[in-house]
Amino acid sequence: MARAATTSDAFNAIAEPQRREILVLLRGGERPVTELARDLGMTQPQTSKHLRVLREVGLVRVRGAGKQRLYGLDARGLRPVHEWVGGFEQFWHETFDRLDEYVRDLQQARQEEPPNAGEPPNDGDQ
């Protein structure tokens, strides 16, 4: 089965680490492509291609400001990702609850151990 185009949805778009990094940078506010490119260590054309993909799936918006185009985060496009990840929340809560219970059991067992129980036996002088 062929993989969906990266512009088909947010999941495919954020599969690319550099696009995720762009989203992280845009959390701080709108930025021009030149700033994004510099902070990412990429060329302006490479950054523009990533921004186009993010714009097409609704994760980034663009507005003109004089001669510049400013890119900003549109987090509403991440809702499907958030909802999907949220489905695993109960799994992680249950996993951490079991881990907490295990740690409490270990701590209780240590408190109930007689003194020197964890030390190797003393064979005396040899």
N, C-alpha and C. Protein backbone atom coordinates (compact mmCIF):
# COMPACT_ATOMS: atom_id res chain seq x y z
N MET A 1 0.85 -1.18 0.00
CA MET A 1 0.00 0.00 0.00
C MET A 1 0.89 1.24 0.00
N ALA A 2 0.62 2.16 -0.88
CA ALA A 2 1.42 3.37 -1.00
C ALA A 2 1.18 4.29 0.19
N ARG A 3 2.23 4.96 0.59
CA ARG A 3 2.14 5.91 1.69
C ARG A 3 1.42 7.17 1.21
N ALA A 4 0.61 7.76 2.08
CA ALA A 4 -0.11 8.98 1.73
C ALA A 4 0.88 10.12 1.55
N ALA A 5 0.51 11.06 0.72
CA ALA A 5 1.36 12.24 0.51
C ALA A 5 1.50 13.00 1.82
N THR A 6 2.64 13.66 1.98
CA THR A 6 2.88 14.38 3.23
C THR A 6 1.91 15.53 3.42
N THR A 7 1.25 15.93 2.38
CA THR A 7 0.30 17.04 2.49
C THR A 7 -1.12 16.56 2.77
N SER A 8 -1.31 15.28 2.98
CA SER A 8 -2.67 14.78 3.14
C SER A 8 -3.26 15.04 4.51
N ASP A 9 -2.45 15.02 5.54
CA ASP A 9 -2.97 15.26 6.88
C ASP A 9 -1.85 15.63 7.85
N ALA A 10 -2.25 16.05 9.03
CA ALA A 10 -1.28 16.50 10.04
C ALA A 10 -0.32 15.39 10.44
N PHE A 11 -0.81 14.16 10.53
CA PHE A 11 0.05 13.04 10.95
C PHE A 11 1.24 12.88 10.00
N ASN A 12 0.97 12.87 8.71
CA ASN A 12 2.04 12.74 7.74
C ASN A 12 2.95 13.96 7.73
N ALA A 13 2.36 15.12 7.88
CA ALA A 13 3.16 16.35 7.86
C ALA A 13 4.14 16.40 9.03
N ILE A 14 3.71 16.00 10.21
CA ILE A 14 4.60 16.09 11.38
C ILE A 14 5.50 14.86 11.53
N ALA A 15 5.40 13.94 10.59
CA ALA A 15 6.32 12.80 10.62
C ALA A 15 7.75 13.26 10.33
N GLU A 16 7.90 14.37 9.69
CA GLU A 16 9.21 14.93 9.36
C GLU A 16 9.73 15.75 10.54
N PRO A 17 10.88 15.38 11.12
CA PRO A 17 11.41 16.08 12.30
C PRO A 17 11.61 17.58 12.10
N GLN A 18 12.03 18.00 10.92
CA GLN A 18 12.25 19.43 10.71
C GLN A 18 10.95 20.21 10.72
N ARG A 19 9.87 19.59 10.27
CA ARG A 19 8.57 20.27 10.32
C ARG A 19 8.09 20.37 11.77
N ARG A 20 8.36 19.34 12.56
CA ARG A 20 8.01 19.43 13.99
C ARG A 20 8.80 20.55 14.65
N GLU A 21 10.06 20.69 14.28
CA GLU A 21 10.89 21.76 14.85
C GLU A 21 10.36 23.14 14.45
N ILE A 22 9.87 23.27 13.23
CA ILE A 22 9.26 24.53 12.81
C ILE A 22 8.07 24.85 13.70
N LEU A 23 7.25 23.86 13.98
CA LEU A 23 6.09 24.09 14.84
C LEU A 23 6.53 24.53 16.24
N VAL A 24 7.59 23.92 16.74
CA VAL A 24 8.11 24.30 18.06
C VAL A 24 8.56 25.76 18.02
N LEU A 25 9.28 26.15 16.98
CA LEU A 25 9.73 27.53 16.87
C LEU A 25 8.57 28.51 16.78
N LEU A 26 7.52 28.11 16.09
CA LEU A 26 6.37 29.00 15.90
C LEU A 26 5.49 29.11 17.15
N ARG A 27 5.70 28.23 18.13
CA ARG A 27 4.95 28.38 19.39
C ARG A 27 5.26 29.72 20.03
N GLY A 28 6.45 30.24 19.80
CA GLY A 28 6.85 31.51 20.39
C GLY A 28 6.29 32.73 19.66
N GLY A 29 5.62 32.52 18.56
CA GLY A 29 5.03 33.62 17.81
C GLY A 29 5.42 33.58 16.35
N GLU A 30 4.87 34.53 15.61
CA GLU A 30 5.10 34.59 14.17
C GLU A 30 6.57 34.88 13.87
N ARG A 31 7.03 34.29 12.76
CA ARG A 31 8.43 34.48 12.35
C ARG A 31 8.51 34.49 10.83
N PRO A 32 9.44 35.25 10.27
CA PRO A 32 9.67 35.19 8.82
C PRO A 32 10.47 33.94 8.48
N VAL A 33 10.38 33.51 7.24
CA VAL A 33 11.06 32.30 6.80
C VAL A 33 12.56 32.40 6.98
N THR A 34 13.13 33.60 6.81
CA THR A 34 14.58 33.74 6.95
C THR A 34 15.03 33.42 8.38
N GLU A 35 14.27 33.84 9.37
CA GLU A 35 14.60 33.53 10.77
C GLU A 35 14.48 32.03 11.04
N LEU A 36 13.40 31.46 10.54
CA LEU A 36 13.20 30.02 10.74
C LEU A 36 14.34 29.24 10.11
N ALA A 37 14.70 29.60 8.90
CA ALA A 37 15.78 28.90 8.19
C ALA A 37 17.08 29.01 8.98
N ARG A 38 17.38 30.20 9.47
CA ARG A 38 18.62 30.39 10.24
C ARG A 38 18.61 29.52 11.50
N ASP A 39 17.51 29.55 12.24
CA ASP A 39 17.44 28.78 13.48
C ASP A 39 17.45 27.27 13.25
N LEU A 40 16.99 26.85 12.10
CA LEU A 40 16.98 25.42 11.76
C LEU A 40 18.28 24.97 11.09
N GLY A 41 19.10 25.92 10.67
CA GLY A 41 20.32 25.57 9.95
C GLY A 41 20.02 25.03 8.56
N MET A 42 18.96 25.55 7.97
CA MET A 42 18.54 25.11 6.63
C MET A 42 18.58 26.30 5.69
N THR A 43 18.47 26.00 4.40
CA THR A 43 18.36 27.08 3.43
C THR A 43 16.93 27.62 3.44
N GLN A 44 16.77 28.81 2.91
CA GLN A 44 15.43 29.40 2.84
C GLN A 44 14.50 28.57 1.94
N PRO A 45 14.97 28.07 0.77
CA PRO A 45 14.08 27.24 -0.05
C PRO A 45 13.64 25.95 0.65
N GLN A 46 14.56 25.30 1.38
CA GLN A 46 14.18 24.08 2.12
C GLN A 46 13.11 24.41 3.16
N THR A 47 13.32 25.48 3.89
CA THR A 47 12.37 25.88 4.92
C THR A 47 11.03 26.23 4.30
N SER A 48 11.05 26.92 3.18
CA SER A 48 9.81 27.29 2.50
C SER A 48 9.01 26.06 2.08
N LYS A 49 9.70 25.02 1.63
CA LYS A 49 9.01 23.78 1.23
C LYS A 49 8.30 23.16 2.43
N HIS A 50 8.99 23.13 3.57
CA HIS A 50 8.38 22.58 4.79
C HIS A 50 7.19 23.43 5.22
N LEU A 51 7.34 24.74 5.14
CA LEU A 51 6.24 25.64 5.52
C LEU A 51 5.04 25.45 4.60
N ARG A 52 5.28 25.20 3.33
CA ARG A 52 4.17 24.97 2.39
C ARG A 52 3.38 23.73 2.80
N VAL A 53 4.09 22.66 3.14
CA VAL A 53 3.42 21.43 3.57
C VAL A 53 2.59 21.71 4.83
N LEU A 54 3.20 22.38 5.79
CA LEU A 54 2.49 22.68 7.04
C LEU A 54 1.28 23.59 6.80
N ARG A 55 1.41 24.49 5.87
CA ARG A 55 0.30 25.39 5.53
C ARG A 55 -0.83 24.61 4.86
N GLU A 56 -0.48 23.69 3.97
CA GLU A 56 -1.49 22.93 3.23
C GLU A 56 -2.32 22.03 4.14
N VAL A 57 -1.75 21.57 5.24
CA VAL A 57 -2.52 20.71 6.16
C VAL A 57 -3.14 21.52 7.29
N GLY A 58 -2.96 22.83 7.27
CA GLY A 58 -3.62 23.68 8.25
C GLY A 58 -2.90 23.84 9.57
N LEU A 59 -1.59 23.59 9.60
CA LEU A 59 -0.84 23.74 10.85
C LEU A 59 -0.14 25.09 10.96
N VAL A 60 -0.01 25.78 9.83
CA VAL A 60 0.67 27.06 9.79
C VAL A 60 -0.18 28.02 8.98
N ARG A 61 -0.21 29.27 9.41
CA ARG A 61 -0.88 30.32 8.66
C ARG A 61 0.19 31.34 8.27
N VAL A 62 -0.11 32.11 7.26
CA VAL A 62 0.85 33.11 6.79
C VAL A 62 0.09 34.42 6.59
N ARG A 63 0.79 35.52 6.89
CA ARG A 63 0.19 36.84 6.64
C ARG A 63 1.29 37.77 6.17
N GLY A 64 0.90 38.69 5.32
CA GLY A 64 1.84 39.67 4.83
C GLY A 64 2.00 40.80 5.83
N ALA A 65 3.22 41.25 6.00
CA ALA A 65 3.53 42.39 6.86
C ALA A 65 4.57 43.22 6.12
N GLY A 66 4.08 44.16 5.31
CA GLY A 66 4.99 44.92 4.47
C GLY A 66 5.55 44.00 3.40
N LYS A 67 6.88 43.95 3.31
CA LYS A 67 7.52 43.09 2.32
C LYS A 67 7.72 41.67 2.83
N GLN A 68 7.49 41.46 4.11
CA GLN A 68 7.71 40.13 4.70
C GLN A 68 6.43 39.32 4.75
N ARG A 69 6.64 38.03 4.77
CA ARG A 69 5.55 37.09 5.04
C ARG A 69 5.86 36.47 6.39
N LEU A 70 4.94 36.60 7.31
CA LEU A 70 5.14 36.04 8.65
C LEU A 70 4.34 34.76 8.78
N TYR A 71 5.00 33.74 9.33
CA TYR A 71 4.37 32.45 9.51
C TYR A 71 4.05 32.27 10.99
N GLY A 72 2.87 31.73 11.25
CA GLY A 72 2.45 31.51 12.62
C GLY A 72 1.82 30.13 12.77
N LEU A 73 1.84 29.66 13.98
CA LEU A 73 1.26 28.35 14.30
C LEU A 73 -0.26 28.42 14.30
N ASP A 74 -0.90 27.44 13.71
CA ASP A 74 -2.35 27.28 13.80
C ASP A 74 -2.58 25.92 14.44
N ALA A 75 -2.55 25.90 15.76
CA ALA A 75 -2.60 24.65 16.52
C ALA A 75 -3.92 23.91 16.37
N ARG A 76 -4.94 24.56 15.85
CA ARG A 76 -6.21 23.84 15.65
C ARG A 76 -6.02 22.64 14.74
N GLY A 77 -5.07 22.73 13.82
CA GLY A 77 -4.80 21.63 12.91
C GLY A 77 -4.21 20.41 13.60
N LEU A 78 -3.73 20.60 14.84
CA LEU A 78 -3.17 19.47 15.60
C LEU A 78 -4.23 18.71 16.39
N ARG A 79 -5.47 19.17 16.34
CA ARG A 79 -6.53 18.50 17.10
C ARG A 79 -6.62 17.01 16.83
N PRO A 80 -6.58 16.54 15.57
CA PRO A 80 -6.65 15.09 15.34
C PRO A 80 -5.49 14.34 16.00
N VAL A 81 -4.30 14.94 16.00
CA VAL A 81 -3.14 14.31 16.63
C VAL A 81 -3.36 14.27 18.14
N HIS A 82 -3.82 15.37 18.70
CA HIS A 82 -4.08 15.45 20.14
C HIS A 82 -5.12 14.41 20.57
N GLU A 83 -6.17 14.30 19.80
CA GLU A 83 -7.23 13.34 20.13
C GLU A 83 -6.72 11.91 20.04
N TRP A 84 -5.92 11.63 19.03
CA TRP A 84 -5.38 10.27 18.88
C TRP A 84 -4.44 9.93 20.03
N VAL A 85 -3.54 10.84 20.35
CA VAL A 85 -2.60 10.61 21.45
C VAL A 85 -3.35 10.49 22.77
N GLY A 86 -4.40 11.29 22.92
CA GLY A 86 -5.20 11.24 24.15
C GLY A 86 -5.78 9.87 24.41
N GLY A 87 -5.99 9.09 23.37
CA GLY A 87 -6.50 7.73 23.53
C GLY A 87 -5.54 6.83 24.28
N PHE A 88 -4.28 7.21 24.36
CA PHE A 88 -3.29 6.42 25.07
C PHE A 88 -3.09 6.88 26.51
N GLU A 89 -3.78 7.94 26.88
CA GLU A 89 -3.61 8.51 28.22
C GLU A 89 -3.95 7.50 29.31
N GLN A 90 -5.05 6.78 29.15
CA GLN A 90 -5.43 5.79 30.16
C GLN A 90 -4.37 4.70 30.27
N PHE A 91 -3.81 4.27 29.15
CA PHE A 91 -2.75 3.26 29.17
C PHE A 91 -1.58 3.73 30.02
N TRP A 92 -1.13 4.99 29.81
CA TRP A 92 0.03 5.50 30.55
C TRP A 92 -0.31 5.69 32.02
N HIS A 93 -1.52 6.16 32.32
CA HIS A 93 -1.92 6.30 33.72
C HIS A 93 -1.89 4.95 34.42
N GLU A 94 -2.42 3.93 33.79
CA GLU A 94 -2.44 2.59 34.38
C GLU A 94 -1.02 2.06 34.54
N THR A 95 -0.18 2.29 33.56
CA THR A 95 1.21 1.83 33.63
C THR A 95 1.94 2.50 34.79
N PHE A 96 1.79 3.80 34.92
CA PHE A 96 2.47 4.52 36.01
C PHE A 96 1.87 4.16 37.36
N ASP A 97 0.55 3.89 37.41
CA ASP A 97 -0.06 3.44 38.67
C ASP A 97 0.54 2.11 39.11
N ARG A 98 0.73 1.19 38.16
CA ARG A 98 1.34 -0.10 38.50
C ARG A 98 2.78 0.08 38.97
N LEU A 99 3.51 0.97 38.32
CA LEU A 99 4.88 1.25 38.72
C LEU A 99 4.92 1.85 40.13
N ASP A 100 4.03 2.78 40.42
CA ASP A 100 3.95 3.37 41.77
C ASP A 100 3.67 2.29 42.81
N GLU A 101 2.76 1.40 42.50
CA GLU A 101 2.42 0.32 43.43
C GLU A 101 3.63 -0.59 43.66
N TYR A 102 4.36 -0.90 42.62
CA TYR A 102 5.54 -1.74 42.73
C TYR A 102 6.60 -1.08 43.61
N VAL A 103 6.83 0.20 43.40
CA VAL A 103 7.82 0.94 44.20
C VAL A 103 7.39 0.97 45.67
N ARG A 104 6.11 1.20 45.93
CA ARG A 104 5.61 1.20 47.32
C ARG A 104 5.83 -0.17 47.96
N ASP A 105 5.57 -1.23 47.22
CA ASP A 105 5.78 -2.59 47.74
C ASP A 105 7.25 -2.82 48.07
N LEU A 106 8.15 -2.38 47.20
CA LEU A 106 9.58 -2.52 47.46
C LEU A 106 10.00 -1.74 48.71
N GLN A 107 9.49 -0.52 48.83
CA GLN A 107 9.83 0.29 49.99
C GLN A 107 9.31 -0.35 51.28
N GLN A 108 8.12 -0.88 51.23
CA GLN A 108 7.55 -1.53 52.41
C GLN A 108 8.35 -2.78 52.76
N ALA A 109 8.76 -3.56 51.78
CA ALA A 109 9.54 -4.77 52.04
C ALA A 109 10.88 -4.41 52.67
N ARG A 110 11.49 -3.34 52.24
CA ARG A 110 12.76 -2.91 52.83
C ARG A 110 12.59 -2.47 54.27
N GLN A 111 11.48 -1.82 54.56
CA GLN A 111 11.24 -1.36 55.93
C GLN A 111 10.98 -2.54 56.87
N GLU A 112 10.44 -3.61 56.33
CA GLU A 112 10.12 -4.77 57.15
C GLU A 112 11.28 -5.74 57.30
N GLU A 113 12.37 -5.54 56.52
CA GLU A 113 13.54 -6.42 56.60
C GLU A 113 14.21 -6.28 57.95
N PRO A 114 14.65 -7.41 58.54
CA PRO A 114 15.42 -7.30 59.78
C PRO A 114 16.77 -6.65 59.49
N PRO A 115 17.39 -6.02 60.49
CA PRO A 115 18.70 -5.40 60.28
C PRO A 115 19.69 -6.42 59.74
N ASN A 116 20.58 -6.00 58.87
CA ASN A 116 21.62 -6.82 58.26
C ASN A 116 21.09 -7.90 57.33
N ALA A 117 19.81 -7.90 57.03
CA ALA A 117 19.24 -8.96 56.19
C ALA A 117 19.79 -8.88 54.76
N GLY A 118 20.14 -7.69 54.32
CA GLY A 118 20.62 -7.55 52.95
C GLY A 118 22.12 -7.70 52.83
N GLU A 119 22.84 -7.90 53.95
CA GLU A 119 24.30 -8.00 53.91
C GLU A 119 24.72 -9.46 53.76
N PRO A 120 25.86 -9.71 53.13
CA PRO A 120 26.34 -11.09 53.01
C PRO A 120 26.74 -11.61 54.39
N PRO A 121 26.65 -12.92 54.59
CA PRO A 121 27.01 -13.47 55.91
C PRO A 121 28.47 -13.21 56.22
N ASN A 122 28.75 -13.01 57.51
CA ASN A 122 30.12 -12.79 57.97
C ASN A 122 30.75 -14.14 58.24
N ASP A 123 31.79 -14.50 57.47
CA ASP A 123 32.43 -15.80 57.61
C ASP A 123 33.52 -15.75 58.68
N GLY A 124 33.70 -14.62 59.28
CA GLY A 124 34.73 -14.52 60.30
C GLY A 124 36.09 -14.35 59.65
N ASP A 125 37.16 -14.51 60.45
CA ASP A 125 38.51 -14.39 59.92
C ASP A 125 38.90 -15.68 59.23
N GLN A 126 39.51 -15.58 58.07
CA GLN A 126 39.94 -16.79 57.35
C GLN A 126 41.41 -16.84 57.24
